[in-house]
N, C-alpha and C. Protein backbone atom coordinates (compact mmCIF):
# COMPACT_ATOMS: atom_id res chain seq x y z
N MET A 1 -9.53 30.18 -31.91
CA MET A 1 -9.10 28.86 -32.35
C MET A 1 -8.02 28.37 -31.38
N THR A 2 -8.13 27.11 -30.98
CA THR A 2 -7.12 26.52 -30.10
C THR A 2 -6.26 25.55 -30.89
N ALA A 3 -5.00 25.51 -30.52
CA ALA A 3 -4.06 24.62 -31.20
C ALA A 3 -4.28 23.19 -30.71
N PRO A 4 -4.11 22.21 -31.58
CA PRO A 4 -4.25 20.82 -31.13
C PRO A 4 -3.15 20.47 -30.14
N THR A 5 -3.49 19.62 -29.19
CA THR A 5 -2.50 19.20 -28.20
C THR A 5 -2.00 17.81 -28.53
N HIS A 6 -0.75 17.59 -28.28
CA HIS A 6 -0.14 16.29 -28.51
C HIS A 6 0.47 15.81 -27.20
N PRO A 7 0.05 14.65 -26.73
CA PRO A 7 0.60 14.17 -25.46
C PRO A 7 2.09 13.84 -25.59
N LEU A 8 2.85 14.20 -24.59
CA LEU A 8 4.27 13.88 -24.53
C LEU A 8 4.48 12.78 -23.51
N ALA A 9 5.50 11.96 -23.74
CA ALA A 9 5.79 10.87 -22.82
C ALA A 9 7.29 10.62 -22.76
N VAL A 10 7.72 9.99 -21.68
CA VAL A 10 9.12 9.58 -21.55
C VAL A 10 9.18 8.06 -21.56
N ASP A 11 10.24 7.55 -22.12
CA ASP A 11 10.49 6.11 -22.19
C ASP A 11 11.16 5.67 -20.89
N VAL A 12 10.49 4.80 -20.14
CA VAL A 12 11.00 4.36 -18.84
C VAL A 12 12.32 3.63 -18.99
N ARG A 13 12.41 2.74 -19.96
CA ARG A 13 13.65 1.97 -20.15
C ARG A 13 14.83 2.89 -20.48
N ALA A 14 14.58 3.91 -21.28
CA ALA A 14 15.64 4.85 -21.64
C ALA A 14 16.11 5.62 -20.41
N LEU A 15 15.17 6.02 -19.55
CA LEU A 15 15.56 6.73 -18.32
C LEU A 15 16.37 5.83 -17.40
N LEU A 16 16.02 4.56 -17.34
CA LEU A 16 16.74 3.64 -16.46
C LEU A 16 18.18 3.39 -16.93
N GLN A 17 18.45 3.66 -18.19
CA GLN A 17 19.81 3.49 -18.71
C GLN A 17 20.69 4.70 -18.42
N ARG A 18 20.09 5.80 -18.01
CA ARG A 18 20.85 7.02 -17.71
C ARG A 18 21.56 6.87 -16.37
N PRO A 19 22.70 7.52 -16.18
CA PRO A 19 23.39 7.47 -14.88
C PRO A 19 22.55 8.17 -13.80
N LEU A 20 22.77 7.77 -12.56
CA LEU A 20 22.02 8.35 -11.43
C LEU A 20 22.14 9.87 -11.40
N SER A 21 23.29 10.39 -11.78
CA SER A 21 23.49 11.84 -11.72
C SER A 21 22.53 12.61 -12.62
N GLU A 22 21.93 11.94 -13.60
CA GLU A 22 21.00 12.59 -14.52
C GLU A 22 19.55 12.44 -14.09
N LEU A 23 19.30 11.71 -13.01
CA LEU A 23 17.93 11.50 -12.54
C LEU A 23 17.60 12.48 -11.42
N ARG A 24 17.84 13.73 -11.65
CA ARG A 24 17.55 14.79 -10.68
C ARG A 24 16.39 15.64 -11.20
N GLY A 25 15.72 16.30 -10.27
CA GLY A 25 14.65 17.21 -10.66
C GLY A 25 13.28 16.56 -10.72
N PHE A 26 13.15 15.33 -10.28
CA PHE A 26 11.86 14.65 -10.27
C PHE A 26 11.19 14.86 -8.92
N THR A 27 9.86 14.87 -8.92
CA THR A 27 9.10 15.00 -7.68
C THR A 27 8.07 13.89 -7.60
N ASP A 28 7.60 13.63 -6.37
CA ASP A 28 6.52 12.66 -6.19
C ASP A 28 5.19 13.37 -6.48
N PRO A 29 4.07 12.63 -6.48
CA PRO A 29 2.78 13.26 -6.79
C PRO A 29 2.41 14.42 -5.86
N ASP A 30 2.97 14.46 -4.67
CA ASP A 30 2.68 15.55 -3.74
C ASP A 30 3.62 16.74 -3.93
N GLY A 31 4.57 16.64 -4.86
CA GLY A 31 5.47 17.75 -5.15
C GLY A 31 6.77 17.72 -4.37
N ARG A 32 7.00 16.69 -3.56
CA ARG A 32 8.25 16.59 -2.79
C ARG A 32 9.36 16.09 -3.71
N PRO A 33 10.55 16.67 -3.61
CA PRO A 33 11.66 16.22 -4.47
C PRO A 33 12.09 14.79 -4.13
N LEU A 34 12.50 14.06 -5.17
CA LEU A 34 12.99 12.69 -5.02
C LEU A 34 14.49 12.66 -5.26
N SER A 35 15.18 11.79 -4.53
CA SER A 35 16.60 11.58 -4.78
C SER A 35 16.73 10.75 -6.06
N PRO A 36 17.88 10.76 -6.71
CA PRO A 36 18.06 9.93 -7.90
C PRO A 36 17.78 8.44 -7.63
N ARG A 37 18.15 7.94 -6.46
CA ARG A 37 17.86 6.53 -6.15
C ARG A 37 16.36 6.29 -6.02
N GLN A 38 15.64 7.22 -5.44
CA GLN A 38 14.19 7.09 -5.34
C GLN A 38 13.55 7.12 -6.73
N VAL A 39 14.10 7.94 -7.61
CA VAL A 39 13.59 8.00 -8.98
C VAL A 39 13.79 6.65 -9.66
N ARG A 40 14.98 6.09 -9.52
CA ARG A 40 15.26 4.78 -10.14
C ARG A 40 14.31 3.71 -9.61
N ILE A 41 14.07 3.69 -8.29
CA ILE A 41 13.15 2.72 -7.69
C ILE A 41 11.74 2.90 -8.25
N ALA A 42 11.30 4.15 -8.37
CA ALA A 42 9.96 4.43 -8.90
C ALA A 42 9.85 4.00 -10.37
N LEU A 43 10.91 4.23 -11.15
CA LEU A 43 10.89 3.83 -12.56
C LEU A 43 10.83 2.30 -12.71
N VAL A 44 11.57 1.60 -11.88
CA VAL A 44 11.54 0.13 -11.91
C VAL A 44 10.14 -0.35 -11.56
N ALA A 45 9.51 0.28 -10.58
CA ALA A 45 8.14 -0.10 -10.19
C ALA A 45 7.16 0.16 -11.33
N GLU A 46 7.32 1.28 -12.03
CA GLU A 46 6.44 1.56 -13.17
C GLU A 46 6.63 0.53 -14.27
N LEU A 47 7.85 0.16 -14.54
CA LEU A 47 8.12 -0.85 -15.56
C LEU A 47 7.53 -2.20 -15.15
N ALA A 48 7.64 -2.55 -13.87
CA ALA A 48 7.06 -3.80 -13.37
C ALA A 48 5.54 -3.80 -13.50
N SER A 49 4.94 -2.61 -13.47
CA SER A 49 3.49 -2.48 -13.63
C SER A 49 3.06 -2.53 -15.10
N GLY A 50 4.04 -2.61 -15.99
CA GLY A 50 3.73 -2.68 -17.41
C GLY A 50 3.72 -1.32 -18.09
N HIS A 51 4.14 -0.28 -17.40
CA HIS A 51 4.17 1.06 -17.97
C HIS A 51 5.53 1.34 -18.59
N GLU A 52 5.61 1.23 -19.90
CA GLU A 52 6.87 1.49 -20.60
C GLU A 52 7.02 2.96 -20.94
N LEU A 53 5.92 3.69 -20.96
CA LEU A 53 5.92 5.12 -21.22
C LEU A 53 5.21 5.81 -20.07
N LEU A 54 5.67 7.01 -19.71
CA LEU A 54 5.00 7.81 -18.70
C LEU A 54 4.64 9.16 -19.30
N PRO A 55 3.40 9.61 -19.07
CA PRO A 55 2.98 10.89 -19.64
C PRO A 55 3.67 12.06 -18.96
N ILE A 56 3.90 13.10 -19.72
CA ILE A 56 4.40 14.36 -19.19
C ILE A 56 3.24 15.34 -19.24
N GLY A 57 2.92 15.94 -18.12
CA GLY A 57 1.79 16.86 -18.05
C GLY A 57 0.50 16.09 -17.88
N SER A 58 -0.59 16.71 -18.27
CA SER A 58 -1.90 16.07 -18.12
C SER A 58 -2.31 15.44 -19.45
N ALA A 59 -2.27 14.15 -19.50
CA ALA A 59 -2.68 13.42 -20.70
C ALA A 59 -3.88 12.56 -20.36
N HIS A 60 -4.98 12.80 -21.02
CA HIS A 60 -6.19 12.03 -20.77
C HIS A 60 -6.16 10.78 -21.63
N GLN A 61 -6.59 9.67 -21.07
CA GLN A 61 -6.66 8.38 -21.77
C GLN A 61 -5.30 8.03 -22.38
N PHE A 62 -4.27 8.07 -21.56
CA PHE A 62 -2.91 7.81 -22.03
C PHE A 62 -2.66 6.31 -22.13
N ASN A 63 -1.99 5.86 -23.20
CA ASN A 63 -1.63 4.47 -23.38
C ASN A 63 -0.19 4.28 -22.89
N PHE A 64 -0.02 3.51 -21.81
CA PHE A 64 1.28 3.34 -21.19
C PHE A 64 2.18 2.34 -21.93
N ILE A 65 1.65 1.64 -22.90
CA ILE A 65 2.40 0.60 -23.60
C ILE A 65 3.03 1.18 -24.85
N LYS A 66 4.30 0.87 -25.04
CA LYS A 66 5.05 1.36 -26.21
C LYS A 66 4.67 0.53 -27.42
N LYS A 67 4.45 1.17 -28.54
CA LYS A 67 4.09 0.44 -29.78
C LYS A 67 5.18 0.57 -30.79
């Protein structure tokens, strides 16, 4: 028997309110580390694309819009 999976997501607006010092440990899709400023730029771009939520891990058919 396998346990049901629940997709996890982060709130982009909430992350943008955090200080730069807390935006460490993020990587780009190729696995290269990002600086806190690069993370902030990427988050702003995601928000501009209409993505208010970002999936954590592999989420199939993820809804990027916050309800």
